[in-house]
C-alpha atoms as a PDB file:
ATOM      1  CA  MET A   1     -87.129 -27.544  37.479  1.00  0.00           C
ATOM      2  CA  ALA A   2     -89.775 -30.100  36.942  1.00  0.00           C
ATOM      3  CA  ARG A   3     -88.577 -33.457  35.654  1.00  0.00           C
ATOM      4  CA  VAL A   4     -90.477 -36.440  33.721  1.00  0.00           C
ATOM      5  CA  LEU A   5     -91.619 -39.335  36.072  1.00  0.00           C
ATOM      6  CA  SER A   6     -90.685 -41.971  34.097  1.00  0.00           C
ATOM      7  CA  ARG A   7     -91.451 -44.192  36.895  1.00  0.00           C
ATOM      8  CA  MET A   8     -95.027 -43.305  36.407  1.00  0.00           C
ATOM      9  CA  PRO A   9     -96.056 -43.753  32.954  1.00  0.00           C
ATOM     10  CA  ARG A  10     -99.616 -44.452  31.778  1.00  0.00           C
ATOM     11  CA  ILE A  11    -100.718 -46.164  28.187  1.00  0.00           C
ATOM     12  CA  ALA A  12    -103.738 -44.982  26.297  1.00  0.00           C
ATOM     13  CA  ALA A  13    -104.703 -46.781  23.274  1.00  0.00           C
ATOM     14  CA  LEU A  14    -105.930 -44.563  21.201  1.00  0.00           C
ATOM     15  CA  ALA A  15    -107.214 -45.366  17.575  1.00  0.00           C
ATOM     16  CA  GLY A  16    -105.117 -48.283  17.627  1.00  0.00           C
ATOM     17  CA  THR A  17    -101.625 -45.854  18.315  1.00  0.00           C
ATOM     18  CA  ALA A  18    -100.072 -46.859  22.213  1.00  0.00           C
ATOM     19  CA  VAL A  19     -99.312 -43.412  23.432  1.00  0.00           C
ATOM     20  CA  LEU A  20     -97.142 -43.184  26.760  1.00  0.00           C
ATOM     21  CA  LEU A  21     -98.413 -40.421  29.166  1.00  0.00           C
ATOM     22  CA  ILE A  22     -96.001 -39.174  31.814  1.00  0.00           C
ATOM     23  CA  ALA A  23     -96.227 -36.957  34.232  1.00  0.00           C
ATOM     24  CA  ALA A  24     -94.480 -33.423  35.047  1.00  0.00           C
ATOM     25  CA  THR A  25     -94.070 -33.107  38.794  1.00  0.00           C
ATOM     26  CA  ALA A  26     -94.104 -29.479  39.314  1.00  0.00           C
ATOM     27  CA  ALA A  27     -97.378 -29.021  36.959  1.00  0.00           C
ATOM     28  CA  GLY A  28     -99.019 -32.143  38.050  1.00  0.00           C
ATOM     29  CA  GLN A  29    -100.122 -32.169  34.072  1.00  0.00           C
ATOM     30  CA  TRP A  30    -100.156 -35.349  32.212  1.00  0.00           C
ATOM     31  CA  MET A  31     -98.026 -34.675  28.866  1.00  0.00           C
ATOM     32  CA  ALA A  32     -97.699 -36.855  25.578  1.00  0.00           C
ATOM     33  CA  ARG A  33     -94.627 -38.150  25.048  1.00  0.00           C
ATOM     34  CA  VAL A  34     -94.245 -37.398  21.122  1.00  0.00           C
ATOM     35  CA  PRO A  35     -91.700 -39.606  18.911  1.00  0.00           C
ATOM     36  CA  GLY A  36     -89.547 -37.767  16.663  1.00  0.00           C
ATOM     37  CA  GLY A  37     -89.500 -38.074  12.651  1.00  0.00           C
ATOM     38  CA  ALA A  38     -90.155 -36.170   9.846  1.00  0.00           C
ATOM     39  CA  PHE A  39     -93.420 -34.361   8.177  1.00  0.00           C
ATOM     40  CA  ILE A  40     -94.520 -32.014   6.161  1.00  0.00           C
ATOM     41  CA  PHE A  41     -94.678 -28.537   7.476  1.00  0.00           C
ATOM     42  CA  GLY A  42     -96.958 -26.097   5.883  1.00  0.00           C
ATOM     43  CA  VAL A  43     -99.175 -26.764   2.905  1.00  0.00           C
ATOM     44  CA  ASP A  44     -99.168 -25.396  -0.752  1.00  0.00           C
ATOM     45  CA  SER A  45    -102.818 -24.994  -1.323  1.00  0.00           C
ATOM     46  CA  GLY A  46    -103.626 -22.620   1.958  1.00  0.00           C
ATOM     47  CA  GLU A  47    -102.891 -19.154   2.599  1.00  0.00           C
ATOM     48  CA  ALA A  48     -99.515 -17.395   1.809  1.00  0.00           C
ATOM     49  CA  ASP A  49     -97.933 -17.689   5.166  1.00  0.00           C
ATOM     50  CA  GLU A  50     -98.699 -21.771   5.088  1.00  0.00           C
ATOM     51  CA  ARG A  51     -96.679 -21.800   1.696  1.00  0.00           C
ATOM     52  CA  PRO A  52     -94.504 -23.714   0.927  1.00  0.00           C
ATOM     53  CA  ALA A  53     -94.879 -27.271   2.297  1.00  0.00           C
ATOM     54  CA  ARG A  54     -91.439 -28.804   2.842  1.00  0.00           C
ATOM     55  CA  THR A  55     -90.229 -31.925   4.933  1.00  0.00           C
ATOM     56  CA  VAL A  56     -88.948 -30.858   8.408  1.00  0.00           C
ATOM     57  CA  THR A  57     -87.237 -33.552  10.824  1.00  0.00           C
ATOM     58  CA  LEU A  58     -88.050 -33.050  14.485  1.00  0.00           C
ATOM     59  CA  SER A  59     -86.556 -34.885  17.627  1.00  0.00           C
ATOM     60  CA  ALA A  60     -88.714 -36.406  20.198  1.00  0.00           C
ATOM     61  CA  PHE A  61     -90.498 -34.050  22.629  1.00  0.00           C
ATOM     62  CA  ALA A  62     -93.217 -34.104  25.084  1.00  0.00           C
ATOM     63  CA  ILE A  63     -96.428 -31.706  25.343  1.00  0.00           C
ATOM     64  CA  ASP A  64     -99.072 -31.091  27.734  1.00  0.00           C
ATOM     65  CA  SER A  65    -102.033 -33.835  27.020  1.00  0.00           C
ATOM     66  CA  THR A  66    -104.660 -30.814  27.350  1.00  0.00           C
ATOM     67  CA  GLU A  67    -104.577 -26.820  27.527  1.00  0.00           C
ATOM     68  CA  VAL A  68    -103.347 -25.491  30.857  1.00  0.00           C
ATOM     69  CA  THR A  69    -106.092 -25.382  32.912  1.00  0.00           C
ATOM     70  CA  VAL A  70    -107.291 -22.437  35.458  1.00  0.00           C
ATOM     71  CA  ALA A  71    -106.527 -24.291  38.453  1.00  0.00           C
ATOM     72  CA  ARG A  72    -103.036 -25.432  37.373  1.00  0.00           C
ATOM     73  CA  TYR A  73    -102.109 -21.925  36.414  1.00  0.00           C
ATOM     74  CA  ASP A  74    -103.510 -20.134  39.574  1.00  0.00           C
ATOM     75  CA  SER A  75    -100.796 -22.503  41.476  1.00  0.00           C
ATOM     76  CA  CYS A  76     -98.303 -20.766  39.555  1.00  0.00           C
ATOM     77  CA  VAL A  77     -99.710 -17.259  40.920  1.00  0.00           C
ATOM     78  CA  ARG A  78     -99.745 -18.435  44.692  1.00  0.00           C
ATOM     79  CA  ALA A  79     -96.402 -19.121  44.084  1.00  0.00           C
ATOM     80  CA  GLY A  80     -95.498 -15.577  43.145  1.00  0.00           C
ATOM     81  CA  ALA A  81     -93.983 -16.679  39.588  1.00  0.00           C
ATOM     82  CA  CYS A  82     -97.141 -15.665  38.067  1.00  0.00           C
ATOM     83  CA  SER A  83     -99.275 -12.620  37.449  1.00  0.00           C
ATOM     84  CA  PRO A  84    -102.766 -13.483  37.347  1.00  0.00           C
ATOM     85  CA  ALA A  85    -104.618 -13.975  34.404  1.00  0.00           C
ATOM     86  CA  HIS A  86    -106.298 -11.075  33.047  1.00  0.00           C
ATOM     87  CA  MET A  87    -110.086 -12.051  33.428  1.00  0.00           C
ATOM     88  CA  SER A  88    -111.640  -9.518  35.511  1.00  0.00           C
ATOM     89  CA  ASP A  89    -109.386  -6.668  35.264  1.00  0.00           C
ATOM     90  CA  GLY A  90    -110.422  -5.131  31.942  1.00  0.00           C
ATOM     91  CA  LYS A  91    -107.494  -6.238  30.221  1.00  0.00           C
ATOM     92  CA  CYS A  92    -108.654  -9.376  28.361  1.00  0.00           C
ATOM     93  CA  MET A  93    -110.094  -8.142  24.711  1.00  0.00           C
ATOM     94  CA  ILE A  94    -112.640  -9.957  22.458  1.00  0.00           C
ATOM     95  CA  TRP A  95    -113.475  -9.565  18.666  1.00  0.00           C
ATOM     96  CA  THR A  96    -116.879  -7.933  18.490  1.00  0.00           C
ATOM     97  CA  GLY A  97    -117.280  -8.242  14.775  1.00  0.00           C
ATOM     98  CA  GLY A  98    -115.497  -5.208  13.870  1.00  0.00           C
ATOM     99  CA  ARG A  99    -113.039  -4.235  16.804  1.00  0.00           C
ATOM    100  CA  PHE A 100    -111.418  -5.671  20.028  1.00  0.00           C
ATOM    101  CA  SER A 101    -113.426  -4.958  23.181  1.00  0.00           C
ATOM    102  CA  SER A 102    -112.833  -5.296  26.843  1.00  0.00           C
ATOM    103  CA  VAL A 103    -114.711  -8.354  28.087  1.00  0.00           C
ATOM    104  CA  MET A 104    -115.334  -9.738  31.658  1.00  0.00           C
ATOM    105  CA  VAL A 105    -114.580 -13.334  31.905  1.00  0.00           C
ATOM    106  CA  PRO A 106    -118.113 -15.000  33.094  1.00  0.00           C
ATOM    107  CA  ALA A 107    -117.743 -17.225  36.127  1.00  0.00           C
ATOM    108  CA  GLY A 108    -118.565 -20.061  34.541  1.00  0.00           C
ATOM    109  CA  PHE A 109    -115.478 -20.057  32.208  1.00  0.00           C
ATOM    110  CA  ARG A 110    -113.666 -19.646  35.295  1.00  0.00           C
ATOM    111  CA  SER A 111    -113.761 -22.826  36.544  1.00  0.00           C
ATOM    112  CA  ALA A 112    -110.454 -24.998  37.947  1.00  0.00           C
ATOM    113  CA  ASN A 113    -111.334 -27.502  34.880  1.00  0.00           C
ATOM    114  CA  HIS A 114    -111.175 -24.515  32.207  1.00  0.00           C
ATOM    115  CA  PRO A 115    -108.327 -23.521  29.787  1.00  0.00           C
ATOM    116  CA  VAL A 116    -107.059 -20.531  31.478  1.00  0.00           C
ATOM    117  CA  ILE A 117    -107.424 -17.712  29.118  1.00  0.00           C
ATOM    118  CA  CYS A 118    -106.712 -14.037  28.606  1.00  0.00           C
ATOM    119  CA  VAL A 119    -103.047 -14.699  29.538  1.00  0.00           C
ATOM    120  CA  THR A 120    -100.508 -12.996  27.461  1.00  0.00           C
ATOM    121  CA  TRP A 121     -97.538 -14.845  25.642  1.00  0.00           C
ATOM    122  CA  TYR A 122     -94.911 -13.742  28.601  1.00  0.00           C
ATOM    123  CA  GLN A 123     -97.694 -15.100  31.219  1.00  0.00           C
ATOM    124  CA  ALA A 124     -97.818 -18.257  29.368  1.00  0.00           C
ATOM    125  CA  ARG A 125     -93.719 -18.365  29.070  1.00  0.00           C
ATOM    126  CA  ASP A 126     -93.707 -17.845  32.664  1.00  0.00           C
ATOM    127  CA  TYR A 127     -95.824 -20.593  33.792  1.00  0.00           C
ATOM    128  CA  CYS A 128     -94.010 -22.972  31.442  1.00  0.00           C
ATOM    129  CA  ARG A 129     -90.621 -21.719  32.664  1.00  0.00           C
ATOM    130  CA  PHE A 130     -92.157 -21.909  36.375  1.00  0.00           C
ATOM    131  CA  THR A 131     -92.654 -25.884  35.621  1.00  0.00           C
ATOM    132  CA  GLY A 132     -89.152 -26.313  34.358  1.00  0.00           C
ATOM    133  CA  ARG A 133     -90.733 -26.261  30.805  1.00  0.00           C
ATOM    134  CA  ARG A 134     -91.400 -24.253  27.680  1.00  0.00           C
ATOM    135  CA  LEU A 135     -93.763 -23.313  25.375  1.00  0.00           C
ATOM    136  CA  PRO A 136     -93.629 -25.386  22.055  1.00  0.00           C
ATOM    137  CA  THR A 137     -92.479 -24.625  18.450  1.00  0.00           C
ATOM    138  CA  GLU A 138     -94.689 -23.623  15.653  1.00  0.00           C
ATOM    139  CA  PRO A 139     -93.246 -26.721  13.909  1.00  0.00           C
ATOM    140  CA  GLU A 140     -93.740 -28.944  17.125  1.00  0.00           C
ATOM    141  CA  TRP A 141     -97.221 -27.639  17.563  1.00  0.00           C
ATOM    142  CA  GLU A 142     -98.232 -28.520  14.104  1.00  0.00           C
ATOM    143  CA  TYR A 143     -96.481 -32.018  14.500  1.00  0.00           C
ATOM    144  CA  ALA A 144     -98.568 -32.737  17.480  1.00  0.00           C
ATOM    145  CA  ALA A 145    -101.654 -31.390  16.323  1.00  0.00           C
ATOM    146  CA  LEU A 146    -101.480 -33.661  12.867  1.00  0.00           C
ATOM    147  CA  ALA A 147    -100.325 -37.116  14.987  1.00  0.00           C
ATOM    148  CA  GLY A 148     -98.537 -38.757  11.913  1.00  0.00           C
ATOM    149  CA  ARG A 149    -101.572 -38.232   9.394  1.00  0.00           C
ATOM    150  CA  SER A 150    -100.185 -35.562   6.836  1.00  0.00           C
ATOM    151  CA  GLY A 151    -103.664 -35.187   5.145  1.00  0.00           C
ATOM    152  CA  ALA A 152    -105.820 -34.199   8.285  1.00  0.00           C
ATOM    153  CA  SER A 153    -107.250 -30.671   8.336  1.00  0.00           C
ATOM    154  CA  TYR A 154    -108.210 -31.024  11.785  1.00  0.00           C
ATOM    155  CA  ALA A 155    -107.536 -32.469  15.273  1.00  0.00           C
ATOM    156  CA  TRP A 156    -110.288 -35.542  14.786  1.00  0.00           C
ATOM    157  CA  GLY A 157    -109.381 -35.711  10.393  1.00  0.00           C
ATOM    158  CA  SER A 158    -111.020 -33.955   7.636  1.00  0.00           C
ATOM    159  CA  ALA A 159    -114.769 -33.296   8.906  1.00  0.00           C
ATOM    160  CA  LEU A 160    -116.107 -30.241   9.106  1.00  0.00           C
ATOM    161  CA  PRO A 161    -116.320 -28.576  13.056  1.00  0.00           C
ATOM    162  CA  ASP A 162    -119.281 -28.899  14.706  1.00  0.00           C
ATOM    163  CA  ALA A 163    -121.077 -29.384  18.364  1.00  0.00           C
ATOM    164  CA  SER A 164    -119.913 -33.047  18.369  1.00  0.00           C
ATOM    165  CA  ARG A 165    -115.797 -32.021  18.112  1.00  0.00           C
ATOM    166  CA  CYS A 166    -115.154 -28.821  19.362  1.00  0.00           C
ATOM    167  CA  ALA A 167    -116.996 -25.713  21.349  1.00  0.00           C
ATOM    168  CA  GLN A 168    -118.987 -23.019  18.923  1.00  0.00           C
ATOM    169  CA  PRO A 169    -119.530 -19.454  19.411  1.00  0.00           C
ATOM    170  CA  SER A 170    -123.028 -20.159  20.541  1.00  0.00           C
ATOM    171  CA  GLU A 171    -121.681 -21.456  23.777  1.00  0.00           C
ATOM    172  CA  ARG A 172    -120.008 -18.128  24.282  1.00  0.00           C
ATOM    173  CA  GLY A 173    -116.919 -19.279  25.657  1.00  0.00           C
ATOM    174  CA  PRO A 174    -114.565 -22.390  25.972  1.00  0.00           C
ATOM    175  CA  ARG A 175    -115.439 -25.679  27.389  1.00  0.00           C
ATOM    176  CA  PRO A 176    -113.307 -27.816  30.209  1.00  0.00           C
ATOM    177  CA  ALA A 177    -109.951 -28.850  29.097  1.00  0.00           C
ATOM    178  CA  GLY A 178    -110.356 -32.218  27.612  1.00  0.00           C
ATOM    179  CA  SER A 179    -113.582 -31.677  26.246  1.00  0.00           C
ATOM    180  CA  CYS A 180    -112.692 -31.550  22.474  1.00  0.00           C
ATOM    181  CA  GLY A 181    -111.369 -35.137  22.393  1.00  0.00           C
ATOM    182  CA  ALA A 182    -107.742 -36.739  21.735  1.00  0.00           C
ATOM    183  CA  ASN A 183    -105.929 -37.105  18.533  1.00  0.00           C
ATOM    184  CA  THR A 184    -104.028 -40.511  17.911  1.00  0.00           C
ATOM    185  CA  TRP A 185    -101.139 -39.186  20.127  1.00  0.00           C
ATOM    186  CA  GLY A 186    -103.566 -38.441  23.111  1.00  0.00           C
ATOM    187  CA  LEU A 187    -104.044 -34.856  22.792  1.00  0.00           C
ATOM    188  CA  TYR A 188    -107.112 -33.142  23.734  1.00  0.00           C
ATOM    189  CA  ASP A 189    -108.172 -29.620  21.978  1.00  0.00           C
ATOM    190  CA  MET A 190    -105.728 -29.541  19.530  1.00  0.00           C
ATOM    191  CA  THR A 191    -108.386 -27.817  17.306  1.00  0.00           C
ATOM    192  CA  GLY A 192    -110.394 -25.300  18.636  1.00  0.00           C
ATOM    193  CA  ASN A 193    -111.726 -24.282  22.246  1.00  0.00           C
ATOM    194  CA  VAL A 194    -108.594 -21.991  22.843  1.00  0.00           C
ATOM    195  CA  TRP A 195    -105.750 -20.884  20.748  1.00  0.00           C
ATOM    196  CA  GLU A 196    -102.270 -21.679  21.808  1.00  0.00           C
ATOM    197  CA  TRP A 197     -99.648 -19.624  22.304  1.00  0.00           C
ATOM    198  CA  THR A 198     -96.683 -21.339  20.591  1.00  0.00           C
ATOM    199  CA  ALA A 199     -92.686 -19.626  21.626  1.00  0.00           C
ATOM    200  CA  ASP A 200     -92.062 -18.517  18.031  1.00  0.00           C
ATOM    201  CA  ARG A 201     -92.325 -15.124  16.599  1.00  0.00           C
ATOM    202  CA  TYR A 202     -94.219 -14.526  13.558  1.00  0.00           C
ATOM    203  CA  ARG A 203     -92.489 -14.275   9.807  1.00  0.00           C
ATOM    204  CA  ARG A 204     -95.071 -14.578   6.884  1.00  0.00           C
ATOM    205  CA  ASP A 205     -91.891 -16.368   4.849  1.00  0.00           C
ATOM    206  CA  GLN A 206     -90.952 -18.754   7.692  1.00  0.00           C
ATOM    207  CA  TYR A 207     -91.975 -21.908   6.249  1.00  0.00           C
ATOM    208  CA  ALA A 208     -89.499 -20.898   3.565  1.00  0.00           C
ATOM    209  CA  ALA A 209     -86.824 -19.534   5.628  1.00  0.00           C
ATOM    210  CA  ALA A 210     -86.831 -22.870   8.253  1.00  0.00           C
ATOM    211  CA  GLY A 211     -84.191 -25.027   8.558  1.00  0.00           C
ATOM    212  CA  PRO A 212     -84.760 -28.662   7.668  1.00  0.00           C
ATOM    213  CA  VAL A 213     -84.153 -30.210  11.326  1.00  0.00           C
ATOM    214  CA  ASP A 214     -85.580 -28.784  14.280  1.00  0.00           C
ATOM    215  CA  PRO A 215     -86.033 -25.194  13.136  1.00  0.00           C
ATOM    216  CA  ALA A 216     -86.164 -22.386  15.296  1.00  0.00           C
ATOM    217  CA  GLY A 217     -88.576 -19.085  14.647  1.00  0.00           C
ATOM    218  CA  PRO A 218     -87.562 -16.023  13.709  1.00  0.00           C
ATOM    219  CA  ASP A 219     -84.749 -13.945  15.969  1.00  0.00           C
ATOM    220  CA  ALA A 220     -86.730 -10.976  15.931  1.00  0.00           C
ATOM    221  CA  GLY A 221     -90.478 -10.020  15.582  1.00  0.00           C
ATOM    222  CA  LEU A 222     -93.070  -7.942  16.916  1.00  0.00           C
ATOM    223  CA  TYR A 223     -95.709 -10.897  16.846  1.00  0.00           C
ATOM    224  CA  ARG A 224     -95.613 -14.316  18.340  1.00  0.00           C
ATOM    225  CA  VAL A 225     -97.546 -16.853  16.725  1.00  0.00           C
ATOM    226  CA  ILE A 226    -100.779 -18.781  17.998  1.00  0.00           C
ATOM    227  CA  ARG A 227    -102.513 -22.176  16.629  1.00  0.00           C
ATOM    228  CA  GLY A 228    -105.352 -24.435  16.818  1.00  0.00           C
ATOM    229  CA  GLY A 229    -108.035 -21.667  16.806  1.00  0.00           C
ATOM    230  CA  GLY A 230    -110.709 -20.768  19.347  1.00  0.00           C
ATOM    231  CA  TRP A 231    -114.299 -21.117  20.500  1.00  0.00           C
ATOM    232  CA  TYR A 232    -115.818 -18.858  18.698  1.00  0.00           C
ATOM    233  CA  SER A 233    -113.217 -19.518  14.953  1.00  0.00           C
ATOM    234  CA  ASP A 234    -114.403 -20.234  12.082  1.00  0.00           C
ATOM    235  CA  ALA A 235    -113.555 -23.561   9.818  1.00  0.00           C
ATOM    236  CA  ARG A 236    -110.838 -21.775   8.332  1.00  0.00           C
ATOM    237  CA  GLN A 237    -109.060 -20.955  11.369  1.00  0.00           C
ATOM    238  CA  LEU A 238    -109.614 -24.191  12.910  1.00  0.00           C
ATOM    239  CA  ARG A 239    -107.369 -25.815  10.326  1.00  0.00           C
ATOM    240  CA  ILE A 240    -104.023 -27.358  11.935  1.00  0.00           C
ATOM    241  CA  LYS A 241    -102.107 -25.615   9.472  1.00  0.00           C
ATOM    242  CA  ASN A 242    -103.612 -22.196  10.153  1.00  0.00           C
ATOM    243  CA  ARG A 243    -101.159 -19.509  11.417  1.00  0.00           C
ATOM    244  CA  HIS A 244    -102.118 -16.672  13.783  1.00  0.00           C
ATOM    245  CA  TRP A 245    -100.313 -14.021  15.493  1.00  0.00           C
ATOM    246  CA  PHE A 246    -100.434 -11.337  18.332  1.00  0.00           C
ATOM    247  CA  GLU A 247     -98.340  -8.739  19.826  1.00  0.00           C
ATOM    248  CA  PRO A 248     -97.171 -10.893  23.001  1.00  0.00           C
ATOM    249  CA  SER A 249     -98.313  -8.369  25.413  1.00  0.00           C
ATOM    250  CA  PHE A 250    -102.151  -9.137  24.331  1.00  0.00           C
ATOM    251  CA  ALA A 251    -104.482 -10.684  26.226  1.00  0.00           C
ATOM    252  CA  GLU A 252    -107.341 -12.196  24.742  1.00  0.00           C
ATOM    253  CA  ALA A 253    -111.042 -14.748  25.617  1.00  0.00           C
ATOM    254  CA  SER A 254    -110.221 -17.191  23.355  1.00  0.00           C
ATOM    255  CA  ILE A 255    -106.205 -17.768  24.170  1.00  0.00           C
ATOM    256  CA  GLY A 256    -104.566 -20.024  26.194  1.00  0.00           C
ATOM    257  CA  PHE A 257    -101.435 -22.247  25.806  1.00  0.00           C
ATOM    258  CA  ARG A 258     -99.940 -25.453  26.495  1.00  0.00           C
ATOM    259  CA  CYS A 259     -96.415 -26.318  27.554  1.00  0.00           C
ATOM    260  CA  ALA A 260     -93.770 -28.612  26.010  1.00  0.00           C
ATOM    261  CA  GLN A 261     -90.363 -30.498  27.237  1.00  0.00           C
END
């Protein structure tokens, strides 16, 4: 099991906010320590499954400062605790404008420092377990992405996405992990680059059903939630509040993950 190395802290001053970054030993992954607190979960002006906006309180937690990279995921594969990502076996899918088609991920997007993609929810879960951690809940992910700014549409604020802020469809794949800038809590790529699996099952009316303190996801459901948008998502999907979902056995060219603790 990984443990947090409190004896190896690193302080990052971002936009006037001091953020403590900590290391998880088994993963070699810097994490941001997120303070507990209350925030507005959901948004009344959003899509049907993003409503209603309500106040939710979360306990403090830590979350990876970047998406899990190819190199880190491969360490789990070499240890025999994870199965290989589906980047070259014909099982990874990509949306082609009318349907999903199989895709082979080009070598340039499989380098060690790129976010691992084409992983199922089960593979993401197994990696986090291997490092002694877990996938973030949906409220944790949203809270971390907002970084205390209730009115932010994207990780950087309200300005529309462009090439200076996140990967664009013309790039035909994600950028290296950490390329899309950090929010004020030291978290990179929370908007764009790759969608991120969360722990929770999808429920259309989850925001109405969620409890007020550390809400857990639904007990049953066919799909798992992804958040944050990916390298070929439009501005609407890149919004922090946007929710999307897939079957947990689905592997896709713009879906990766990060772990929490």
